[in-house]
């Protein structure tokens, strides 16, 4: 018996001129006109989730969408598909269009409180928002939520440059929809020219100032001892920081010295002034007239 062995020759491979049928096309970034839509969807998703008392992790468990991607959607940078958005809508028990449709334009002012830590932003902000009938937003808290890390760890792991970029992105998403609010901004927001310009163009800015001794005492009273940790000259550093930032803070529309005016009067005076002269009302174009000063709120600039 003669056995004949043949070697199987490989079949010739034919190059396709076009892409493979199963090849995924490159996913483009958001087009210029999509930024507002993504920000609106993200804001709607975040507000609905919070209204249901759900954390991002809880929504991820219900919807099957990862917590990380939910964070991107809520920050306005996640280019979500309709299928995944429908998964989120079902988990939240709301219609899909409820997360997409533009809400009616809200009337009311948008105010940004600026100043160093201990100036009184977290003290004045909530009652001022209630007096104006608008929500209160702390920019630092929104940044922590977007990053999934506390501020200290953001700086420690990623550095200040990353933080300032994230701060700008979160602020842009917050003001994109034109909703009214009182926003407590971080003390260093004025050091980034682009972010500071965005804040001034979209909000009536109020500089809350205080004596260095009051700044220092208030921060310590909040239980934060970082200002004095290992620093024998902490007060001197604080005074130098105030002096360096004073020209930038002085560009704000209004100025209130919280060391001189009782908190109740600060809220009443600011609310009355802003209500009478809305300035950067929600949805107003950049360049609208700023609120005129009243009582102890003095215009700076």
Protein backbone atom coordinates (compact mmCIF):
# COMPACT_ATOMS: atom_id res chain seq x y z
CA UNK A 1 0.00 0.00 0.00
CA UNK A 2 1.42 3.31 -0.97
CA UNK A 3 0.56 6.17 1.30
CA UNK A 4 0.68 9.61 -0.17
CA UNK A 5 0.92 12.57 2.20
CA UNK A 6 -0.03 15.97 0.98
CA UNK A 7 0.56 19.18 2.81
CA UNK A 8 -2.49 21.36 3.08
CA UNK A 9 -1.71 24.67 1.49
CA UNK A 10 -3.14 27.73 3.20
CA UNK A 11 -5.89 29.46 1.37
CA UNK A 12 -4.85 32.74 -0.12
CA UNK A 13 -6.04 35.71 1.91
CA UNK A 14 -7.78 38.39 -0.03
CA UNK A 15 -7.43 41.88 1.22
CA UNK A 16 -10.64 43.79 1.58
CA UNK A 17 -10.69 47.28 0.29
CA UNK A 18 -13.21 48.32 2.95
CA UNK A 19 -13.41 47.77 6.71
CA UNK A 20 -14.15 44.37 8.18
CA UNK A 21 -17.89 43.79 8.69
CA UNK A 22 -17.40 43.36 12.42
CA UNK A 23 -14.92 46.18 12.86
CA UNK A 24 -16.07 48.93 15.16
CA UNK A 25 -15.89 52.40 13.67
CA UNK A 26 -13.95 54.93 15.64
CA UNK A 27 -16.18 56.74 18.07
CA UNK A 28 -15.98 60.45 17.40
CA UNK A 29 -16.00 62.95 20.19
CA UNK A 30 -18.99 65.22 20.72
CA UNK A 31 -19.58 67.61 17.86
CA UNK A 32 -19.63 71.29 18.55
CA UNK A 33 -23.42 71.35 18.84
CA UNK A 34 -23.63 68.34 21.15
CA UNK A 35 -21.99 69.87 24.21
CA UNK A 36 -25.18 71.53 25.42
CA UNK A 37 -27.21 68.35 24.91
CA UNK A 38 -24.73 66.15 26.79
CA UNK A 39 -24.58 68.65 29.65
CA UNK A 40 -28.38 68.81 29.80
CA UNK A 41 -28.73 65.01 29.80
CA UNK A 42 -26.06 64.75 32.50
CA UNK A 43 -27.75 67.36 34.64
CA UNK A 44 -31.16 65.71 34.21
CA UNK A 45 -29.75 62.28 35.10
CA UNK A 46 -27.97 63.62 38.19
CA UNK A 47 -30.99 65.56 39.46
CA UNK A 48 -33.35 62.62 38.88
CA UNK A 49 -30.97 60.19 40.61
CA UNK A 50 -30.61 62.48 43.61
CA UNK A 51 -34.38 62.97 43.71
CA UNK A 52 -34.75 59.20 44.01
CA UNK A 53 -32.22 59.13 46.83
CA UNK A 54 -29.86 56.93 44.83
CA UNK A 55 -26.07 56.95 44.82
CA UNK A 56 -24.23 56.36 41.57
CA UNK A 57 -23.38 52.89 42.80
CA UNK A 58 -27.05 52.17 43.49
CA UNK A 59 -28.07 53.35 40.02
CA UNK A 60 -25.28 51.27 38.48
CA UNK A 61 -26.60 48.17 40.24
CA UNK A 62 -30.13 48.77 38.99
CA UNK A 63 -29.29 49.72 35.41
CA UNK A 64 -26.24 47.67 34.54
CA UNK A 65 -24.40 50.85 33.52
CA UNK A 66 -21.03 51.20 35.23
CA UNK A 67 -20.67 53.73 38.02
CA UNK A 68 -17.69 55.26 36.22
CA UNK A 69 -19.69 55.83 33.03
CA UNK A 70 -22.58 57.29 35.00
CA UNK A 71 -20.12 59.80 36.47
CA UNK A 72 -18.99 60.74 32.95
CA UNK A 73 -22.57 61.16 31.76
CA UNK A 74 -23.45 63.38 34.73
CA UNK A 75 -20.36 65.54 34.14
CA UNK A 76 -21.52 66.16 30.56
CA UNK A 77 -18.61 64.30 28.95
CA UNK A 78 -20.16 60.85 28.46
CA UNK A 79 -21.44 60.33 24.90
CA UNK A 80 -24.13 57.86 25.96
CA UNK A 81 -26.15 55.77 23.50
CA UNK A 82 -29.94 55.81 23.54
CA UNK A 83 -29.96 52.15 24.58
CA UNK A 84 -27.84 52.78 27.66
CA UNK A 85 -29.78 55.95 28.46
CA UNK A 86 -32.99 53.91 28.26
CA UNK A 87 -31.48 51.43 30.75
CA UNK A 88 -30.88 54.34 33.12
CA UNK A 89 -34.38 55.76 32.58
CA UNK A 90 -35.97 52.38 33.33
CA UNK A 91 -33.88 52.03 36.49
CA UNK A 92 -35.04 55.49 37.59
CA UNK A 93 -38.64 54.73 36.53
CA UNK A 94 -38.91 57.81 34.32
CA UNK A 95 -39.65 58.15 30.58
CA UNK A 96 -36.60 58.23 28.34
CA UNK A 97 -37.66 61.60 26.94
CA UNK A 98 -37.70 62.93 30.49
CA UNK A 99 -33.90 62.68 30.53
CA UNK A 100 -33.49 64.27 27.09
CA UNK A 101 -36.12 66.97 26.69
CA UNK A 102 -35.01 70.50 27.48
CA UNK A 103 -36.66 71.80 30.64
CA UNK A 104 -38.53 75.10 30.51
CA UNK A 105 -36.31 78.07 31.02
CA UNK A 106 -36.10 78.84 34.72
CA UNK A 107 -36.30 82.40 35.90
CA UNK A 108 -34.10 83.71 38.64
CA UNK A 109 -30.57 84.88 39.31
CA UNK A 110 -27.39 82.89 39.17
CA UNK A 111 -25.01 84.06 41.88
CA UNK A 112 -21.46 82.92 42.59
CA UNK A 113 -19.91 83.44 46.01
CA UNK A 114 -16.12 83.70 45.99
CA UNK A 115 -13.47 84.25 48.63
CA UNK A 116 -10.94 82.35 50.70
CA UNK A 117 -12.00 79.49 52.95
CA UNK A 118 -13.59 80.86 56.09
CA UNK A 119 -15.10 83.86 54.33
CA UNK A 120 -18.66 82.64 55.00
CA UNK A 121 -19.71 81.04 51.70
CA UNK A 122 -21.18 77.94 53.31
CA UNK A 123 -22.84 80.09 56.00
CA UNK A 124 -24.39 82.70 53.72
CA UNK A 125 -24.97 80.51 50.65
CA UNK A 126 -27.87 78.27 51.78
CA UNK A 127 -30.02 81.02 53.37
CA UNK A 128 -29.31 83.34 50.43
CA UNK A 129 -30.46 80.60 48.03
CA UNK A 130 -33.65 80.10 50.06
CA UNK A 131 -34.31 83.83 50.06
CA UNK A 132 -33.92 83.94 46.27
CA UNK A 133 -35.88 80.72 45.74
CA UNK A 134 -33.06 78.98 43.89
CA UNK A 135 -30.93 75.87 44.64
CA UNK A 136 -27.58 76.05 46.43
CA UNK A 137 -24.58 74.36 44.81
CA UNK A 138 -21.11 73.87 46.27
CA UNK A 139 -18.66 73.60 43.41
CA UNK A 140 -16.11 71.64 45.45
CA UNK A 141 -18.74 69.01 46.33
CA UNK A 142 -19.65 68.62 42.64
CA UNK A 143 -15.95 68.23 41.79
CA UNK A 144 -15.57 65.51 44.42
CA UNK A 145 -18.60 63.72 43.02
CA UNK A 146 -17.27 63.93 39.44
CA UNK A 147 -13.84 62.63 40.48
CA UNK A 148 -15.08 60.08 42.99
CA UNK A 149 -12.44 61.36 45.40
CA UNK A 150 -12.25 63.93 48.21
CA UNK A 151 -10.46 67.16 47.34
CA UNK A 152 -7.35 66.29 49.33
CA UNK A 153 -6.86 63.06 47.40
CA UNK A 154 -7.50 64.77 44.06
CA UNK A 155 -4.60 67.15 44.75
CA UNK A 156 -2.43 64.39 46.21
CA UNK A 157 -2.94 61.89 43.38
CA UNK A 158 -3.50 64.06 40.32
CA UNK A 159 -2.12 67.48 41.22
CA UNK A 160 -3.48 71.00 41.02
CA UNK A 161 -3.40 71.20 37.22
CA UNK A 162 -5.82 68.28 36.94
CA UNK A 163 -8.03 69.77 39.66
CA UNK A 164 -8.27 73.14 37.89
CA UNK A 165 -9.23 71.43 34.62
CA UNK A 166 -11.90 69.37 36.37
CA UNK A 167 -13.13 72.47 38.19
CA UNK A 168 -13.56 74.25 34.86
CA UNK A 169 -15.39 71.29 33.29
CA UNK A 170 -17.76 70.89 36.23
CA UNK A 171 -18.53 74.62 36.27
CA UNK A 172 -19.15 74.63 32.51
CA UNK A 173 -21.60 71.74 32.87
CA UNK A 174 -23.33 73.48 35.78
CA UNK A 175 -23.97 76.75 33.96
CA UNK A 176 -24.58 75.24 30.49
CA UNK A 177 -28.31 74.83 31.05
CA UNK A 178 -28.84 78.36 32.31
CA UNK A 179 -30.56 77.33 35.54
CA UNK A 180 -30.66 79.74 38.50
CA UNK A 181 -28.56 78.93 41.56
CA UNK A 182 -26.33 80.25 44.29
CA UNK A 183 -22.91 78.69 43.69
CA UNK A 184 -20.20 78.56 46.35
CA UNK A 185 -16.94 78.50 44.41
CA UNK A 186 -13.57 77.40 45.72
CA UNK A 187 -11.16 80.01 47.00
CA UNK A 188 -8.70 79.43 44.17
CA UNK A 189 -11.20 79.64 41.32
CA UNK A 190 -9.93 83.14 40.50
CA UNK A 191 -6.41 81.85 39.81
CA UNK A 192 -7.47 80.07 36.61
CA UNK A 193 -8.14 82.82 34.03
CA UNK A 194 -10.49 80.72 31.88
CA UNK A 195 -12.60 79.49 34.80
CA UNK A 196 -12.74 82.92 36.40
CA UNK A 197 -13.81 84.48 33.09
CA UNK A 198 -16.55 81.84 32.71
CA UNK A 199 -17.83 82.50 36.22
CA UNK A 200 -17.91 86.27 35.71
CA UNK A 201 -19.66 85.92 32.34
CA UNK A 202 -22.44 83.67 33.64
CA UNK A 203 -22.98 84.72 37.26
CA UNK A 204 -23.35 87.76 39.46
CA UNK A 205 -20.16 87.37 41.46
CA UNK A 206 -20.03 88.28 45.14
CA UNK A 207 -16.72 88.52 46.97
CA UNK A 208 -17.08 87.59 50.63
CA UNK A 209 -14.07 88.92 52.49
CA UNK A 210 -13.03 88.79 56.14
CA UNK A 211 -10.16 89.79 58.37
CA UNK A 212 -7.31 87.25 58.29
CA UNK A 213 -7.96 86.43 61.96
CA UNK A 214 -11.61 85.62 61.18
CA UNK A 215 -10.67 83.45 58.19
CA UNK A 216 -8.30 81.52 60.39
CA UNK A 217 -10.65 81.11 63.36
CA UNK A 218 -13.62 80.02 61.22
CA UNK A 219 -11.65 77.29 59.45
CA UNK A 220 -10.41 75.96 62.78
CA UNK A 221 -13.94 76.11 64.20
CA UNK A 222 -15.05 73.80 61.36
CA UNK A 223 -12.62 71.20 62.71
CA UNK A 224 -10.03 71.67 59.99
CA UNK A 225 -6.59 72.12 61.55
CA UNK A 226 -4.68 71.92 58.27
CA UNK A 227 -4.01 75.67 58.14
CA UNK A 228 -1.83 75.46 61.26
CA UNK A 229 -0.41 71.96 60.82
CA UNK A 230 3.38 72.24 60.91
CA UNK A 231 3.29 75.94 60.05
CA UNK A 232 4.59 78.36 62.63
CA UNK A 233 3.93 81.25 60.21
CA UNK A 234 0.48 80.15 59.01
CA UNK A 235 -1.04 83.56 59.70
CA UNK A 236 1.67 85.30 57.69
CA UNK A 237 1.03 82.92 54.78
CA UNK A 238 -2.69 83.61 54.97
CA UNK A 239 -2.14 87.38 54.87
CA UNK A 240 0.19 87.01 51.89
CA UNK A 241 -2.38 84.88 50.04
CA UNK A 242 -5.11 87.43 50.70
CA UNK A 243 -2.89 90.24 49.43
CA UNK A 244 -2.00 88.31 46.27
CA UNK A 245 -5.60 87.44 45.40
CA UNK A 246 -7.19 90.75 46.40
CA UNK A 247 -6.95 92.27 42.87
CA UNK A 248 -8.68 89.21 41.41
CA UNK A 249 -11.38 89.05 44.08
CA UNK A 250 -11.86 92.78 43.59
CA UNK A 251 -13.14 92.14 40.05
CA UNK A 252 -16.36 90.69 41.50
CA UNK A 253 -19.65 92.50 40.97
CA UNK A 254 -20.39 92.85 44.69
CA UNK A 255 -18.34 92.84 47.86
CA UNK A 256 -19.44 92.03 51.42
CA UNK A 257 -17.11 92.24 54.40
CA UNK A 258 -18.32 89.40 56.61
CA UNK A 259 -16.23 90.62 59.53
CA UNK A 260 -18.20 93.87 59.65
CA UNK A 261 -21.77 92.87 58.76
CA UNK A 262 -23.86 90.31 60.74
CA UNK A 263 -24.84 87.23 58.74
CA UNK A 264 -28.59 87.96 58.83
CA UNK A 265 -28.05 91.44 57.40
CA UNK A 266 -25.68 90.06 54.77
CA UNK A 267 -28.34 87.68 53.48
CA UNK A 268 -31.14 90.26 53.54
CA UNK A 269 -29.02 92.92 51.87
CA UNK A 270 -27.67 90.66 49.15
CA UNK A 271 -31.07 89.10 48.41
CA UNK A 272 -32.71 92.51 48.10
CA UNK A 273 -29.93 93.88 45.89
CA UNK A 274 -29.87 90.85 43.59
CA UNK A 275 -33.68 90.72 43.35
CA UNK A 276 -33.84 94.40 42.42
CA UNK A 277 -30.94 94.19 39.97
CA UNK A 278 -30.78 90.57 38.69
CA UNK A 279 -27.55 91.06 36.77
CA UNK A 280 -26.51 87.64 35.44
CA UNK A 281 -30.00 86.15 35.52
CA UNK A 282 -30.29 82.50 34.59
CA UNK A 283 -30.02 82.20 30.85
CA UNK A 284 -28.82 85.78 30.43
CA UNK A 285 -26.08 86.34 27.90
CA UNK A 286 -22.60 87.18 29.03
CA UNK A 287 -22.16 90.89 29.35
CA UNK A 288 -25.49 91.58 31.07
CA UNK A 289 -25.28 94.36 33.66
CA UNK A 290 -24.14 93.30 37.08
CA UNK A 291 -26.13 93.79 40.25
CA UNK A 292 -25.80 97.23 41.74
CA UNK A 293 -24.48 97.39 45.29
CA UNK A 294 -26.83 98.09 48.15
CA UNK A 295 -26.36 98.74 51.85
CA UNK A 296 -23.01 97.39 52.98
CA UNK A 297 -22.42 95.53 49.74
CA UNK A 298 -19.95 97.74 47.92
CA UNK A 299 -19.10 97.47 44.25
CA UNK A 300 -15.49 96.71 43.55
CA UNK A 301 -13.48 96.64 40.37
